[in-house]
Amino acid sequence: MPGAIIVVPCYNEEKRLPAEAILAFARIAHLGGVKFLMVNDGSKDGTLAVLRSLRDAEPAVIDVLDVQPNGGKAEAVRRGFLKAFKSDPDYVGFWDADLATPLDEIPTFLEIVHANPTLDMVLGSRVQLLGRDIQRQTLRHYLGRIFATVASNYLRMAIYDTQCGAKLFRNTPAVRGLFRERFISKWIFDVELLARYKIACRKRRLGNPADHIFEQPLRRWEDVKGSTVKGRDFLKAILEFAALVKKYR
């Protein structure tokens, strides 16, 4: 399996980061060419020390990037991708540090994108289907559905879940270009990524962007306690969405 680097943005995760689970998976995933880049987003607690201990335990599999000062998840992911691209892996992805999406979904994402050369993105999707274990808070679920519907209409893509924190990208010129400039949004940069990708497809004459994106329904997802994302942040997302509409018309 071709190489992949998974960027994991971390902010004040000293007590929440499932370090042992990350180590256990990393040791197995390394055999398949998967590595991790843990990004410390200006944490105010002992997160950086925890990340460095992970790197010291498995230096061939885990690397650490310390971003100062805190710039938000969007910038942490962007900086992580820029560093990852320098190693020229076949694929680069990002994964939420709380492992709401289990790491064992990564091989599935890799199999999908590797088997379909036209794909540039595989996006995790939290769809409540029979045989799936998707545990979301009711309020956040319905707010998320409202936002996803609005985003889908804006992007003119039949996308179900823009905000899932599990995404994998093929290392192509079009994808690398998505991360060159800072995102104007901190909360909904996932939508901004897709808006940028639509523009890239048009400029590079890649055809319909939806033909290069695949949504993978997750087998498991859990709303982990202690998340820094709150219900009130839905209002921030709406304000950021208005700014995106203005910039990416």
Protein backbone atom coordinates (compact mmCIF):
# COMPACT_ATOMS: atom_id res chain seq x y z
CA MET A 1 0.00 0.00 0.00
CA PRO A 2 1.42 3.45 -0.94
CA GLY A 3 2.56 5.77 1.84
CA ALA A 4 0.26 8.08 3.76
CA ILE A 5 0.73 10.73 6.43
CA ILE A 6 -2.17 11.42 8.79
CA VAL A 7 -2.12 14.90 10.35
CA VAL A 8 -3.62 15.04 13.86
CA PRO A 9 -4.28 18.60 15.14
CA CYS A 10 -4.08 18.84 18.94
CA TYR A 11 -5.09 21.67 21.25
CA ASN A 12 -5.05 21.16 25.03
CA GLU A 13 -5.32 17.39 24.62
CA GLU A 14 -3.02 16.41 27.51
CA LYS A 15 -5.77 14.58 29.40
CA ARG A 16 -7.95 13.55 26.45
CA LEU A 17 -5.51 12.22 23.89
CA PRO A 18 -5.82 8.40 23.62
CA ALA A 19 -2.05 8.02 23.43
CA GLU A 20 -1.94 4.25 23.88
CA ALA A 21 -4.48 3.70 21.13
CA ILE A 22 -2.47 5.91 18.78
CA LEU A 23 0.75 4.07 19.59
CA ALA A 24 -0.82 0.64 19.17
CA PHE A 25 -2.31 1.53 15.78
CA ALA A 26 0.82 3.33 14.59
CA ARG A 27 2.97 0.26 15.19
CA ILE A 28 0.67 -1.84 13.01
CA ALA A 29 -0.10 0.81 10.41
CA HIS A 30 3.58 1.45 9.81
CA LEU A 31 3.73 -1.88 8.00
CA GLY A 32 1.24 -0.45 5.51
CA GLY A 33 3.19 2.78 5.03
CA VAL A 34 1.02 4.94 7.31
CA LYS A 35 2.72 7.59 9.46
CA PHE A 36 1.37 10.26 11.80
CA LEU A 37 2.19 13.95 12.13
CA MET A 38 0.95 15.24 15.48
CA VAL A 39 0.47 19.02 15.39
CA ASN A 40 0.49 20.94 18.64
CA ASP A 41 -1.69 24.01 18.08
CA GLY A 42 -0.23 26.31 20.72
CA SER A 43 -1.61 24.25 23.61
CA LYS A 44 -1.51 25.79 27.08
CA ASP A 45 -1.26 22.48 28.94
CA GLY A 46 1.17 19.57 28.63
CA THR A 47 0.02 18.44 25.20
CA LEU A 48 3.38 19.08 23.55
CA ALA A 49 5.17 16.87 26.08
CA VAL A 50 2.66 14.07 25.46
CA LEU A 51 3.15 14.34 21.69
CA ARG A 52 6.91 14.28 22.04
CA SER A 53 6.68 11.17 24.19
CA LEU A 54 4.71 9.49 21.40
CA ARG A 55 7.37 10.49 18.89
CA ASP A 56 10.14 9.24 21.16
CA ALA A 57 8.37 5.90 21.52
CA GLU A 58 7.94 5.43 17.74
CA PRO A 59 10.21 7.92 15.93
CA ALA A 60 9.94 6.07 12.60
CA VAL A 61 6.15 6.38 12.59
CA ILE A 62 5.25 9.52 14.55
CA ASP A 63 6.53 13.05 14.05
CA VAL A 64 5.61 16.25 15.88
CA LEU A 65 5.08 19.80 14.62
CA ASP A 66 4.82 22.56 17.22
CA VAL A 67 2.78 25.52 15.94
CA GLN A 68 2.95 28.69 18.02
CA PRO A 69 0.88 30.59 18.94
CA ASN A 70 -2.53 28.90 18.85
CA GLY A 71 -4.08 29.54 15.44
CA GLY A 72 -7.08 27.22 15.43
CA LYS A 73 -7.70 23.82 13.88
CA ALA A 74 -7.77 25.09 10.30
CA GLU A 75 -4.27 26.57 10.50
CA ALA A 76 -2.92 23.59 12.43
CA VAL A 77 -4.16 21.25 9.71
CA ARG A 78 -2.84 23.50 6.95
CA ARG A 79 0.61 23.75 8.52
CA GLY A 80 0.61 20.00 9.05
CA PHE A 81 -0.23 19.35 5.40
CA LEU A 82 2.51 21.70 4.20
CA LYS A 83 5.04 19.79 6.27
CA ALA A 84 3.64 16.43 5.16
CA PHE A 85 3.82 17.38 1.48
CA LYS A 86 7.59 17.90 1.83
CA SER A 87 7.95 14.13 2.35
CA ASP A 88 5.98 13.56 -0.88
CA PRO A 89 3.65 10.80 0.37
CA ASP A 90 0.99 9.36 -1.91
CA TYR A 91 -1.78 10.47 0.44
CA VAL A 92 -2.23 12.99 3.25
CA GLY A 93 -5.20 13.08 5.61
CA PHE A 94 -6.34 14.62 8.86
CA TRP A 95 -7.98 12.94 11.82
CA ASP A 96 -9.52 14.38 15.00
CA ALA A 97 -7.30 13.84 18.04
CA ASP A 98 -10.10 12.46 20.22
CA LEU A 99 -10.47 9.52 17.80
CA ALA A 100 -14.21 10.07 17.52
CA THR A 101 -13.56 8.32 14.23
CA PRO A 102 -11.57 5.18 15.13
CA LEU A 103 -8.16 4.83 13.51
CA ASP A 104 -9.11 1.47 12.04
CA GLU A 105 -11.13 3.38 9.43
CA ILE A 106 -7.86 4.59 7.86
CA PRO A 107 -7.13 1.35 5.94
CA THR A 108 -10.63 1.49 4.44
CA PHE A 109 -10.09 5.06 3.26
CA LEU A 110 -6.74 4.07 1.75
CA GLU A 111 -8.22 1.07 -0.04
CA ILE A 112 -10.94 3.24 -1.59
CA VAL A 113 -8.66 6.00 -2.87
CA HIS A 114 -6.00 3.54 -4.03
CA ALA A 115 -8.52 1.47 -5.99
CA ASN A 116 -10.00 4.55 -7.68
CA PRO A 117 -7.28 6.62 -9.41
CA THR A 118 -9.74 9.41 -10.31
CA LEU A 119 -10.45 10.16 -6.65
CA ASP A 120 -8.71 13.07 -4.92
CA MET A 121 -10.62 12.87 -1.64
CA VAL A 122 -12.28 10.37 0.66
CA LEU A 123 -14.46 12.03 3.29
CA GLY A 124 -15.80 10.36 6.39
CA SER A 125 -19.57 10.62 6.72
CA ARG A 126 -21.55 10.12 9.93
CA VAL A 127 -24.64 8.39 8.58
CA GLN A 128 -26.91 6.55 10.98
CA LEU A 129 -27.55 3.29 9.13
CA LEU A 130 -28.42 -0.18 10.29
CA GLY A 131 -25.23 -2.01 11.15
CA ARG A 132 -23.40 1.23 11.97
CA ASP A 133 -22.65 2.64 15.42
CA ILE A 134 -22.92 6.43 15.14
CA GLN A 135 -23.42 8.10 18.51
CA ARG A 136 -24.11 11.85 18.29
CA GLN A 137 -25.73 14.29 20.69
CA THR A 138 -29.24 15.01 19.45
CA LEU A 139 -28.87 18.80 19.31
CA ARG A 140 -25.53 18.70 17.56
CA HIS A 141 -26.87 16.13 15.11
CA TYR A 142 -29.80 18.29 14.02
CA LEU A 143 -27.75 21.49 13.92
CA GLY A 144 -25.23 19.59 11.83
CA ARG A 145 -27.90 18.39 9.43
CA ILE A 146 -29.16 21.96 8.94
CA PHE A 147 -25.65 23.22 8.29
CA ALA A 148 -24.76 20.33 5.96
CA THR A 149 -27.89 20.98 3.89
CA VAL A 150 -27.03 24.67 3.53
CA ALA A 151 -23.42 23.83 2.66
CA SER A 152 -24.50 21.23 0.12
CA ASN A 153 -26.76 23.73 -1.62
CA TYR A 154 -23.99 26.35 -1.64
CA LEU A 155 -21.39 23.96 -3.02
CA ARG A 156 -23.90 22.40 -5.42
CA MET A 157 -22.71 18.98 -4.35
CA ALA A 158 -24.82 16.19 -2.88
CA ILE A 159 -22.58 15.99 0.17
CA TYR A 160 -24.07 14.59 3.37
CA ASP A 161 -21.45 15.53 5.98
CA THR A 162 -18.94 18.33 5.45
CA GLN A 163 -17.70 18.52 9.05
CA CYS A 164 -16.57 15.01 9.90
CA GLY A 165 -13.00 15.18 11.20
CA ALA A 166 -11.72 12.26 9.12
CA LYS A 167 -10.56 13.05 5.59
CA LEU A 168 -7.96 11.64 3.19
CA PHE A 169 -6.50 13.35 0.11
CA ARG A 170 -4.43 12.18 -2.83
CA ASN A 171 -1.18 14.14 -3.15
CA THR A 172 -1.85 15.95 -6.44
CA PRO A 173 -1.06 19.49 -7.65
CA ALA A 174 -4.73 20.42 -7.29
CA VAL A 175 -4.84 19.19 -3.68
CA ARG A 176 -1.53 20.80 -2.71
CA GLY A 177 -2.86 24.10 -3.97
CA LEU A 178 -5.75 23.96 -1.52
CA PHE A 179 -3.38 24.47 1.42
CA ARG A 180 -1.08 27.21 0.12
CA GLU A 181 -3.04 30.11 1.62
CA ARG A 182 -4.47 30.45 5.11
CA PHE A 183 -8.16 29.67 5.44
CA ILE A 184 -10.44 32.58 6.23
CA SER A 185 -12.56 30.24 8.37
CA LYS A 186 -11.54 28.53 11.62
CA TRP A 187 -14.65 26.44 12.26
CA ILE A 188 -15.84 25.40 8.80
CA PHE A 189 -12.60 25.20 6.84
CA ASP A 190 -13.83 21.83 5.52
CA VAL A 191 -16.39 23.72 3.44
CA GLU A 192 -13.73 26.20 2.37
CA LEU A 193 -11.55 23.30 1.22
CA LEU A 194 -14.35 22.05 -1.00
CA ALA A 195 -15.02 25.55 -2.34
CA ARG A 196 -11.34 25.88 -3.21
CA TYR A 197 -11.36 22.47 -4.84
CA LYS A 198 -14.26 23.44 -7.10
CA ILE A 199 -12.25 26.45 -8.28
CA ALA A 200 -9.16 24.27 -8.79
CA CYS A 201 -11.13 21.79 -10.89
CA ARG A 202 -12.41 24.58 -13.09
CA LYS A 203 -8.97 26.16 -13.56
CA ARG A 204 -7.27 22.81 -14.23
CA ARG A 205 -10.13 21.53 -16.39
CA LEU A 206 -10.60 18.46 -14.23
CA GLY A 207 -14.32 18.25 -14.91
CA ASN A 208 -17.01 17.85 -12.27
CA PRO A 209 -15.37 18.03 -8.80
CA ALA A 210 -17.99 15.62 -7.43
CA ASP A 211 -16.48 12.93 -9.67
CA HIS A 212 -13.25 13.14 -7.66
CA ILE A 213 -14.76 12.98 -4.16
CA PHE A 214 -16.10 9.94 -2.31
CA GLU A 215 -18.03 9.96 0.97
CA GLN A 216 -17.44 6.87 3.08
CA PRO A 217 -20.12 6.11 5.73
CA LEU A 218 -18.24 5.39 8.95
CA ARG A 219 -18.76 2.12 10.77
CA ARG A 220 -18.33 3.80 14.16
CA TRP A 221 -18.27 7.35 15.45
CA GLU A 222 -18.65 8.61 19.01
CA ASP A 223 -19.30 12.11 20.34
CA VAL A 224 -16.36 12.13 22.77
CA LYS A 225 -16.87 14.09 25.99
CA GLY A 226 -14.78 17.20 26.53
CA SER A 227 -14.91 18.49 22.97
CA THR A 228 -14.02 22.17 22.57
CA VAL A 229 -16.83 22.50 20.00
CA LYS A 230 -20.06 23.70 21.61
CA GLY A 231 -23.59 24.30 20.39
CA ARG A 232 -23.04 28.06 20.39
CA ASP A 233 -20.31 27.58 17.82
CA PHE A 234 -23.10 26.92 15.32
CA LEU A 235 -23.61 30.70 15.25
CA LYS A 236 -19.90 31.24 14.53
CA ALA A 237 -20.18 28.75 11.69
CA ILE A 238 -23.05 30.71 10.16
CA LEU A 239 -21.02 33.94 10.26
CA GLU A 240 -18.04 32.20 8.70
CA PHE A 241 -20.30 30.68 6.07
CA ALA A 242 -21.45 34.17 5.05
CA ALA A 243 -17.80 35.19 4.66
CA LEU A 244 -17.13 32.13 2.48
CA VAL A 245 -20.05 32.90 0.21
CA LYS A 246 -18.68 36.42 -0.28
CA LYS A 247 -15.12 35.26 -1.04
CA TYR A 248 -15.80 32.16 -3.16
CA ARG A 249 -18.69 33.28 -5.34
